[in-house]
Amino acid sequence: MGGYGPATTGFSLAIKRIGDRLEKRFGDQVEIKYVYNILDLGYRADDIIWLVESGVLTLGYQSSSYLTDRIPAVGVVDLPFLFSDQSTARGAMDGALGRALTTRIEADTNFRIVGYFENGFRQISNRVRPIHSPADMTGMTIRVLPSKIQERTFQLLGAEPRIMDLTEALAAIKAGKLDAQENPFSNTVTYGVHEFHRFHTTTNHFYVSRPIFVHRPSFDALPKPIQEELHAAVREAVAFQRDLHVKEEDDAAAAIRKAGGEIVELTADQHKAFVSAVNPIYGEARKGLGPAVLKLVDR
């Protein structure tokens, strides 16, 4: 089982929880090994996709945005300001939307999708100035995930988006070659970005999930009792990770402030200005993704 974060993150603790439950139930019938952070071995964050799909790793997780080049319909969950709150987002991913994404991903990959971790709402950090309105982002270079919808979102906000892998983005941030990035506070702190970016704004512009995927031939070859226990272990681990994510976000905000960072909490009117600025993307998405996909997130 593998990921791309330190062993102390909620994602790493959650996959360890999956393994612990399997070992407790099946003893020496199973052997679990962990690679908590593939970056430590010289891989890129996006390498986890092929590492699992080829069977080098059996189980991994990655933000759904990394699959949008191969499966454009998955980009529907990259639409900005799609969910008003955490409860609504979780309900969608646990319901019809999550099931539809699973069907589409499994149809075009060598994965079994067994659940969705919460990466959560994303915020903007930068080294230039406080952001209170879209105008404050004019001309600002910002790293985004490999998603055309995310790229277009920041174009509409007046920024200059750069699609980059995490490893590339971190190097550019440390070298001062990138003005901004967007992530949950917990990711911003986990990867040390808050040491280089002073200004942070709680925009909640995207809600991103991380599919938990298993190498399909390996999963399908497992005895039925192990398959069923794996599903049960994942459900438990997802609930655990989501609860932990809330605390991680609070702890990360405190760490940002302790490091001298400034966090801008948008007012309702300021938030509305961001929503209005990106509104054209919904008309574009109807043409690009089609009405059937858009129905899954019809508000």
Foldseek 3Di string as FASTA:
>chain_A
DEAAFDCPALVNVLVVLLVVLLCVVPPPVDDDDYHHRCVVVVDFRLVVQVCQLVPVDFKYKDWLQSCCVVQVLSCLQVAWPLDPDDVVVVVLCVDDNVVVVQVRVVVRTQWRFLGKAWQFFKKKFFAPDADLALVVQAAAEEEDANHPNNCVLNVLSRHHYDHDTPVVVLVCLVVVNHTMYMGQLLVCVRSPSLLRTQYIERLSTGTIIMTMIGRNVVLVPDPPVSNVSSSVSSVVSRVSSVVVVVVSSVVSVVVSVVSNHDYHYHDPVSSVNSVVSRVVVVVVCCVVNHDVSVVSSPD
